[in-house]
PDB file of all heavy atoms in Angstrom:
ATOM      1  N   ALA A   1     -21.316 -41.447  76.694  1.00  0.00           N
ATOM      2  CA  ALA A   1     -22.692 -40.912  76.559  1.00  0.00           C
ATOM      3  C   ALA A   1     -23.733 -42.007  76.829  1.00  0.00           C
ATOM      4  O   ALA A   1     -24.688 -41.827  77.570  1.00  0.00           O
ATOM      5  CB  ALA A   1     -22.862 -40.251  75.211  1.00  0.00           C
ATOM      6  N   PHE A   2     -23.489 -43.143  76.227  1.00  0.00           N
ATOM      7  CA  PHE A   2     -24.474 -44.279  76.299  1.00  0.00           C
ATOM      8  C   PHE A   2     -24.528 -44.812  77.752  1.00  0.00           C
ATOM      9  O   PHE A   2     -25.599 -45.242  78.224  1.00  0.00           O
ATOM     10  CB  PHE A   2     -24.060 -45.424  75.349  1.00  0.00           C
ATOM     11  CG  PHE A   2     -24.139 -45.052  73.905  1.00  0.00           C
ATOM     12  CD1 PHE A   2     -23.553 -45.884  72.969  1.00  0.00           C
ATOM     13  CD2 PHE A   2     -24.808 -43.944  73.455  1.00  0.00           C
ATOM     14  CE1 PHE A   2     -23.596 -45.640  71.616  1.00  0.00           C
ATOM     15  CE2 PHE A   2     -24.838 -43.639  72.139  1.00  0.00           C
ATOM     16  CZ  PHE A   2     -24.254 -44.471  71.194  1.00  0.00           C
ATOM     17  N   ALA A   3     -23.404 -44.802  78.460  1.00  0.00           N
ATOM     18  CA  ALA A   3     -23.413 -45.309  79.865  1.00  0.00           C
ATOM     19  C   ALA A   3     -24.074 -44.320  80.831  1.00  0.00           C
ATOM     20  O   ALA A   3     -24.609 -44.756  81.807  1.00  0.00           O
ATOM     21  CB  ALA A   3     -21.964 -45.501  80.275  1.00  0.00           C
ATOM     22  N   ARG A   4     -24.075 -43.025  80.481  1.00  0.00           N
ATOM     23  CA  ARG A   4     -24.598 -42.043  81.403  1.00  0.00           C
ATOM     24  C   ARG A   4     -26.019 -41.663  81.185  1.00  0.00           C
ATOM     25  O   ARG A   4     -26.728 -41.136  82.106  1.00  0.00           O
ATOM     26  CB  ARG A   4     -23.720 -40.753  81.335  1.00  0.00           C
ATOM     27  CG  ARG A   4     -22.322 -40.985  81.859  1.00  0.00           C
ATOM     28  CD  ARG A   4     -21.414 -39.767  81.561  1.00  0.00           C
ATOM     29  NE  ARG A   4     -20.098 -40.009  82.147  1.00  0.00           N
ATOM     30  CZ  ARG A   4     -19.066 -39.167  81.941  1.00  0.00           C
ATOM     31  NH1 ARG A   4     -19.221 -38.032  81.202  1.00  0.00           N
ATOM     32  NH2 ARG A   4     -17.910 -39.433  82.459  1.00  0.00           N
ATOM     33  N   ILE A   5     -26.509 -41.803  79.978  1.00  0.00           N
ATOM     34  CA  ILE A   5     -27.881 -41.378  79.626  1.00  0.00           C
ATOM     35  C   ILE A   5     -28.761 -42.608  79.485  1.00  0.00           C
ATOM     36  O   ILE A   5     -28.481 -43.486  78.742  1.00  0.00           O
ATOM     37  CB  ILE A   5     -27.890 -40.559  78.354  1.00  0.00           C
ATOM     38  CG1 ILE A   5     -27.043 -39.236  78.577  1.00  0.00           C
ATOM     39  CG2 ILE A   5     -29.273 -40.232  77.869  1.00  0.00           C
ATOM     40  CD1 ILE A   5     -26.803 -38.394  77.351  1.00  0.00           C
ATOM     41  N   PRO A   6     -29.873 -42.667  80.195  1.00  0.00           N
ATOM     42  CA  PRO A   6     -30.708 -43.901  80.190  1.00  0.00           C
ATOM     43  C   PRO A   6     -31.311 -44.113  78.797  1.00  0.00           C
ATOM     44  O   PRO A   6     -31.708 -43.203  78.084  1.00  0.00           O
ATOM     45  CB  PRO A   6     -31.792 -43.537  81.206  1.00  0.00           C
ATOM     46  CG  PRO A   6     -31.222 -42.478  82.075  1.00  0.00           C
ATOM     47  CD  PRO A   6     -30.362 -41.660  81.190  1.00  0.00           C
ATOM     48  N   ALA A   7     -31.370 -45.435  78.417  1.00  0.00           N
ATOM     49  CA  ALA A   7     -32.036 -45.870  77.220  1.00  0.00           C
ATOM     50  C   ALA A   7     -32.353 -47.355  77.396  1.00  0.00           C
ATOM     51  O   ALA A   7     -31.855 -48.020  78.296  1.00  0.00           O
ATOM     52  CB  ALA A   7     -31.205 -45.630  75.963  1.00  0.00           C
ATOM     53  N   ASP A   8     -33.227 -47.881  76.524  1.00  0.00           N
ATOM     54  CA  ASP A   8     -33.571 -49.294  76.589  1.00  0.00           C
ATOM     55  C   ASP A   8     -32.634 -50.118  75.776  1.00  0.00           C
ATOM     56  O   ASP A   8     -32.397 -51.275  76.127  1.00  0.00           O
ATOM     57  CB  ASP A   8     -35.007 -49.420  76.070  1.00  0.00           C
ATOM     58  CG  ASP A   8     -35.986 -48.634  76.840  1.00  0.00           C
ATOM     59  OD1 ASP A   8     -36.030 -48.825  78.087  1.00  0.00           O
ATOM     60  OD2 ASP A   8     -36.791 -47.920  76.224  1.00  0.00           O
ATOM     61  N   ASP A   9     -32.124 -49.568  74.668  1.00  0.00           N
ATOM     62  CA  ASP A   9     -31.344 -50.361  73.731  1.00  0.00           C
ATOM     63  C   ASP A   9     -30.219 -49.484  73.226  1.00  0.00           C
ATOM     64  O   ASP A   9     -30.264 -48.256  73.209  1.00  0.00           O
ATOM     65  CB  ASP A   9     -32.154 -50.848  72.568  1.00  0.00           C
ATOM     66  CG  ASP A   9     -33.309 -51.769  73.007  1.00  0.00           C
ATOM     67  OD1 ASP A   9     -33.005 -52.808  73.540  1.00  0.00           O
ATOM     68  OD2 ASP A   9     -34.486 -51.389  72.778  1.00  0.00           O
ATOM     69  N   CYS A  10     -29.200 -50.214  72.706  1.00  0.00           N
ATOM     70  CA  CYS A  10     -27.998 -49.529  72.097  1.00  0.00           C
ATOM     71  C   CYS A  10     -27.625 -50.239  70.815  1.00  0.00           C
ATOM     72  O   CYS A  10     -27.444 -51.463  70.804  1.00  0.00           O
ATOM     73  CB  CYS A  10     -26.876 -49.584  73.150  1.00  0.00           C
ATOM     74  SG  CYS A  10     -25.367 -48.818  72.633  1.00  0.00           S
ATOM     75  N   ILE A  11     -27.508 -49.504  69.757  1.00  0.00           N
ATOM     76  CA  ILE A  11     -27.098 -50.086  68.446  1.00  0.00           C
ATOM     77  C   ILE A  11     -25.718 -49.525  68.070  1.00  0.00           C
ATOM     78  O   ILE A  11     -25.530 -48.310  68.059  1.00  0.00           O
ATOM     79  CB  ILE A  11     -28.104 -49.654  67.365  1.00  0.00           C
ATOM     80  CG1 ILE A  11     -29.515 -50.194  67.699  1.00  0.00           C
ATOM     81  CG2 ILE A  11     -27.662 -50.207  66.000  1.00  0.00           C
ATOM     82  CD1 ILE A  11     -30.591 -49.628  66.878  1.00  0.00           C
ATOM     83  N   ILE A  12     -24.800 -50.455  67.843  1.00  0.00           N
ATOM     84  CA  ILE A  12     -23.432 -50.021  67.520  1.00  0.00           C
ATOM     85  C   ILE A  12     -22.968 -50.637  66.141  1.00  0.00           C
ATOM     86  O   ILE A  12     -22.995 -51.827  66.001  1.00  0.00           O
ATOM     87  CB  ILE A  12     -22.436 -50.508  68.642  1.00  0.00           C
ATOM     88  CG1 ILE A  12     -22.839 -49.868  69.990  1.00  0.00           C
ATOM     89  CG2 ILE A  12     -21.033 -50.191  68.298  1.00  0.00           C
ATOM     90  CD1 ILE A  12     -22.023 -50.380  71.106  1.00  0.00           C
ATOM     91  N   GLU A  13     -22.631 -49.751  65.285  1.00  0.00           N
ATOM     92  CA  GLU A  13     -22.143 -50.111  63.941  1.00  0.00           C
ATOM     93  C   GLU A  13     -20.593 -50.281  63.991  1.00  0.00           C
ATOM     94  O   GLU A  13     -19.929 -49.322  64.471  1.00  0.00           O
ATOM     95  CB  GLU A  13     -22.545 -49.134  62.896  1.00  0.00           C
ATOM     96  CG  GLU A  13     -22.035 -49.446  61.489  1.00  0.00           C
ATOM     97  CD  GLU A  13     -22.242 -48.354  60.498  1.00  0.00           C
ATOM     98  OE1 GLU A  13     -22.827 -47.293  60.844  1.00  0.00           O
ATOM     99  OE2 GLU A  13     -21.820 -48.505  59.341  1.00  0.00           O
ATOM    100  N   VAL A  14     -20.078 -51.313  63.525  1.00  0.00           N
ATOM    101  CA  VAL A  14     -18.651 -51.523  63.381  1.00  0.00           C
ATOM    102  C   VAL A  14     -18.111 -50.515  62.379  1.00  0.00           C
ATOM    103  O   VAL A  14     -18.719 -50.176  61.353  1.00  0.00           O
ATOM    104  CB  VAL A  14     -18.327 -52.950  62.895  1.00  0.00           C
ATOM    105  CG1 VAL A  14     -16.856 -53.063  62.480  1.00  0.00           C
ATOM    106  CG2 VAL A  14     -18.671 -53.991  63.946  1.00  0.00           C
ATOM    107  N   GLY A  15     -16.962 -49.939  62.702  1.00  0.00           N
ATOM    108  CA  GLY A  15     -16.330 -48.942  61.812  1.00  0.00           C
ATOM    109  C   GLY A  15     -15.578 -49.567  60.662  1.00  0.00           C
ATOM    110  O   GLY A  15     -15.853 -49.310  59.490  1.00  0.00           O
ATOM    111  N   LEU A  16     -14.637 -50.440  60.984  1.00  0.00           N
ATOM    112  CA  LEU A  16     -13.746 -51.060  59.955  1.00  0.00           C
ATOM    113  C   LEU A  16     -13.423 -52.467  60.335  1.00  0.00           C
ATOM    114  O   LEU A  16     -12.829 -52.726  61.416  1.00  0.00           O
ATOM    115  CB  LEU A  16     -12.516 -50.174  59.833  1.00  0.00           C
ATOM    116  CG  LEU A  16     -11.496 -50.654  58.811  1.00  0.00           C
ATOM    117  CD1 LEU A  16     -12.074 -50.550  57.393  1.00  0.00           C
ATOM    118  CD2 LEU A  16     -10.211 -49.759  58.826  1.00  0.00           C
ATOM    119  N   GLY A  17     -13.816 -53.433  59.524  1.00  0.00           N
ATOM    120  CA  GLY A  17     -13.566 -54.817  59.817  1.00  0.00           C
ATOM    121  C   GLY A  17     -14.472 -55.361  60.885  1.00  0.00           C
ATOM    122  O   GLY A  17     -15.669 -55.446  60.697  1.00  0.00           O
ATOM    123  N   GLY A  18     -13.913 -55.670  62.056  1.00  0.00           N
ATOM    124  CA  GLY A  18     -14.704 -56.234  63.114  1.00  0.00           C
ATOM    125  C   GLY A  18     -13.806 -56.705  64.253  1.00  0.00           C
ATOM    126  O   GLY A  18     -13.875 -56.228  65.361  1.00  0.00           O
ATOM    127  N   ARG A  19     -13.003 -57.628  63.940  1.00  0.00           N
ATOM    128  CA  ARG A  19     -12.114 -58.277  64.938  1.00  0.00           C
ATOM    129  C   ARG A  19     -11.306 -57.259  65.751  1.00  0.00           C
ATOM    130  O   ARG A  19     -11.265 -57.304  67.008  1.00  0.00           O
ATOM    131  CB  ARG A  19     -11.180 -59.283  64.265  1.00  0.00           C
ATOM    132  CG  ARG A  19     -10.225 -60.026  65.189  1.00  0.00           C
ATOM    133  CD  ARG A  19      -9.429 -61.068  64.345  1.00  0.00           C
ATOM    134  NE  ARG A  19      -8.609 -60.436  63.359  1.00  0.00           N
ATOM    135  CZ  ARG A  19      -7.313 -60.231  63.437  1.00  0.00           C
ATOM    136  NH1 ARG A  19      -6.678 -60.617  64.541  1.00  0.00           N
ATOM    137  NH2 ARG A  19      -6.612 -59.688  62.435  1.00  0.00           N
ATOM    138  N   LEU A  20     -10.703 -56.289  65.068  1.00  0.00           N
ATOM    139  CA  LEU A  20      -9.829 -55.330  65.724  1.00  0.00           C
ATOM    140  C   LEU A  20     -10.423 -53.966  65.688  1.00  0.00           C
ATOM    141  O   LEU A  20      -9.705 -52.943  65.967  1.00  0.00           O
ATOM    142  CB  LEU A  20      -8.450 -55.347  65.076  1.00  0.00           C
ATOM    143  CG  LEU A  20      -7.643 -56.676  65.142  1.00  0.00           C
ATOM    144  CD1 LEU A  20      -6.391 -56.552  64.372  1.00  0.00           C
ATOM    145  CD2 LEU A  20      -7.425 -57.074  66.562  1.00  0.00           C
ATOM    146  N   ASP A  21     -11.651 -53.796  65.369  1.00  0.00           N
ATOM    147  CA  ASP A  21     -12.346 -52.487  65.316  1.00  0.00           C
ATOM    148  C   ASP A  21     -12.578 -52.020  66.750  1.00  0.00           C
ATOM    149  O   ASP A  21     -12.839 -52.807  67.670  1.00  0.00           O
ATOM    150  CB  ASP A  21     -13.691 -52.595  64.658  1.00  0.00           C
ATOM    151  CG  ASP A  21     -14.422 -51.269  64.527  1.00  0.00           C
ATOM    152  OD1 ASP A  21     -14.013 -50.489  63.673  1.00  0.00           O
ATOM    153  OD2 ASP A  21     -15.368 -51.056  65.257  1.00  0.00           O
ATOM    154  N   ALA A  22     -12.477 -50.718  67.005  1.00  0.00           N
ATOM    155  CA  ALA A  22     -12.584 -50.167  68.332  1.00  0.00           C
ATOM    156  C   ALA A  22     -13.885 -50.522  69.032  1.00  0.00           C
ATOM    157  O   ALA A  22     -13.938 -50.671  70.263  1.00  0.00           O
ATOM    158  CB  ALA A  22     -12.422 -48.645  68.305  1.00  0.00           C
ATOM    159  N   THR A  23     -14.979 -50.667  68.237  1.00  0.00           N
ATOM    160  CA  THR A  23     -16.275 -51.015  68.863  1.00  0.00           C
ATOM    161  C   THR A  23     -16.244 -52.420  69.463  1.00  0.00           C
ATOM    162  O   THR A  23     -17.091 -52.752  70.270  1.00  0.00           O
ATOM    163  CB  THR A  23     -17.393 -50.927  67.837  1.00  0.00           C
ATOM    164  OG1 THR A  23     -17.219 -51.896  66.838  1.00  0.00           O
ATOM    165  CG2 THR A  23     -17.497 -49.540  67.277  1.00  0.00           C
ATOM    166  N   ASN A  24     -15.270 -53.281  69.058  1.00  0.00           N
ATOM    167  CA  ASN A  24     -15.320 -54.657  69.503  1.00  0.00           C
ATOM    168  C   ASN A  24     -14.721 -54.784  70.895  1.00  0.00           C
ATOM    169  O   ASN A  24     -14.601 -55.912  71.430  1.00  0.00           O
ATOM    170  CB  ASN A  24     -14.485 -55.553  68.560  1.00  0.00           C
ATOM    171  CG  ASN A  24     -14.943 -56.951  68.527  1.00  0.00           C
ATOM    172  OD1 ASN A  24     -16.124 -57.232  68.746  1.00  0.00           O
ATOM    173  ND2 ASN A  24     -14.069 -57.874  68.228  1.00  0.00           N
ATOM    174  N   ILE A  25     -14.527 -53.679  71.608  1.00  0.00           N
ATOM    175  CA  ILE A  25     -14.140 -53.748  72.982  1.00  0.00           C
ATOM    176  C   ILE A  25     -15.314 -54.093  73.934  1.00  0.00           C
ATOM    177  O   ILE A  25     -15.175 -54.401  75.068  1.00  0.00           O
ATOM    178  CB  ILE A  25     -13.529 -52.379  73.406  1.00  0.00           C
ATOM    179  CG1 ILE A  25     -12.791 -52.473  74.741  1.00  0.00           C
ATOM    180  CG2 ILE A  25     -14.552 -51.286  73.464  1.00  0.00           C
ATOM    181  CD1 ILE A  25     -11.532 -53.338  74.714  1.00  0.00           C
ATOM    182  N   ILE A  26     -16.567 -54.016  73.363  1.00  0.00           N
ATOM    183  CA  ILE A  26     -17.741 -54.243  74.106  1.00  0.00           C
ATOM    184  C   ILE A  26     -17.815 -55.710  74.542  1.00  0.00           C
ATOM    185  O   ILE A  26     -17.286 -56.592  73.847  1.00  0.00           O
ATOM    186  CB  ILE A  26     -19.030 -53.860  73.361  1.00  0.00           C
ATOM    187  CG1 ILE A  26     -19.277 -54.751  72.137  1.00  0.00           C
ATOM    188  CG2 ILE A  26     -19.063 -52.407  73.059  1.00  0.00           C
ATOM    189  CD1 ILE A  26     -20.577 -54.498  71.429  1.00  0.00           C
ATOM    190  N   PRO A  27     -18.453 -56.011  75.659  1.00  0.00           N
ATOM    191  CA  PRO A  27     -18.664 -57.407  76.060  1.00  0.00           C
ATOM    192  C   PRO A  27     -19.714 -58.028  75.115  1.00  0.00           C
ATOM    193  O   PRO A  27     -20.238 -57.392  74.249  1.00  0.00           O
ATOM    194  CB  PRO A  27     -19.219 -57.303  77.475  1.00  0.00           C
ATOM    195  CG  PRO A  27     -19.903 -55.942  77.513  1.00  0.00           C
ATOM    196  CD  PRO A  27     -19.017 -55.059  76.609  1.00  0.00           C
ATOM    197  N   PRO A  28     -19.952 -59.373  75.262  1.00  0.00           N
ATOM    198  CA  PRO A  28     -20.912 -60.017  74.325  1.00  0.00           C
ATOM    199  C   PRO A  28     -22.222 -59.239  74.281  1.00  0.00           C
ATOM    200  O   PRO A  28     -22.871 -58.969  75.306  1.00  0.00           O
ATOM    201  CB  PRO A  28     -21.116 -61.370  74.965  1.00  0.00           C
ATOM    202  CG  PRO A  28     -19.788 -61.662  75.622  1.00  0.00           C
ATOM    203  CD  PRO A  28     -19.365 -60.342  76.187  1.00  0.00           C
ATOM    204  N   PRO A  29     -22.649 -58.830  73.096  1.00  0.00           N
ATOM    205  CA  PRO A  29     -23.946 -58.079  72.986  1.00  0.00           C
ATOM    206  C   PRO A  29     -25.123 -59.014  73.048  1.00  0.00           C
ATOM    207  O   PRO A  29     -24.979 -60.214  73.092  1.00  0.00           O
ATOM    208  CB  PRO A  29     -23.808 -57.484  71.542  1.00  0.00           C
ATOM    209  CG  PRO A  29     -22.991 -58.452  70.811  1.00  0.00           C
ATOM    210  CD  PRO A  29     -22.014 -59.019  71.787  1.00  0.00           C
ATOM    211  N   ALA A  30     -26.306 -58.402  73.089  1.00  0.00           N
ATOM    212  CA  ALA A  30     -27.500 -59.223  73.037  1.00  0.00           C
ATOM    213  C   ALA A  30     -27.574 -59.995  71.749  1.00  0.00           C
ATOM    214  O   ALA A  30     -27.912 -61.216  71.735  1.00  0.00           O
ATOM    215  CB  ALA A  30     -28.774 -58.345  73.195  1.00  0.00           C
ATOM    216  N   VAL A  31     -27.177 -59.386  70.631  1.00  0.00           N
ATOM    217  CA  VAL A  31     -27.264 -59.980  69.297  1.00  0.00           C
ATOM    218  C   VAL A  31     -26.138 -59.337  68.448  1.00  0.00           C
ATOM    219  O   VAL A  31     -25.907 -58.141  68.550  1.00  0.00           O
ATOM    220  CB  VAL A  31     -28.586 -59.787  68.585  1.00  0.00           C
ATOM    221  CG1 VAL A  31     -28.588 -60.537  67.260  1.00  0.00           C
ATOM    222  CG2 VAL A  31     -29.739 -60.244  69.454  1.00  0.00           C
ATOM    223  N   ALA A  32     -25.516 -60.128  67.636  1.00  0.00           N
ATOM    224  CA  ALA A  32     -24.611 -59.600  66.565  1.00  0.00           C
ATOM    225  C   ALA A  32     -25.241 -59.843  65.248  1.00  0.00           C
ATOM    226  O   ALA A  32     -26.011 -60.803  65.039  1.00  0.00           O
ATOM    227  CB  ALA A  32     -23.239 -60.333  66.664  1.00  0.00           C
ATOM    228  N   GLY A  33     -24.937 -58.988  64.272  1.00  0.00           N
ATOM    229  CA  GLY A  33     -25.450 -59.162  62.938  1.00  0.00           C
ATOM    230  C   GLY A  33     -24.330 -58.864  61.912  1.00  0.00           C
ATOM    231  O   GLY A  33     -23.485 -58.002  62.132  1.00  0.00           O
TER     232      GLY A  33
END
């Protein structure tokens, strides 16, 4: 959905942990927190 629908920014919350969480497949983000 995020790839197909235009937006300026994207916020992704880690589900569980971080290192092996499914969201961690993304390339380096603008910022991590």
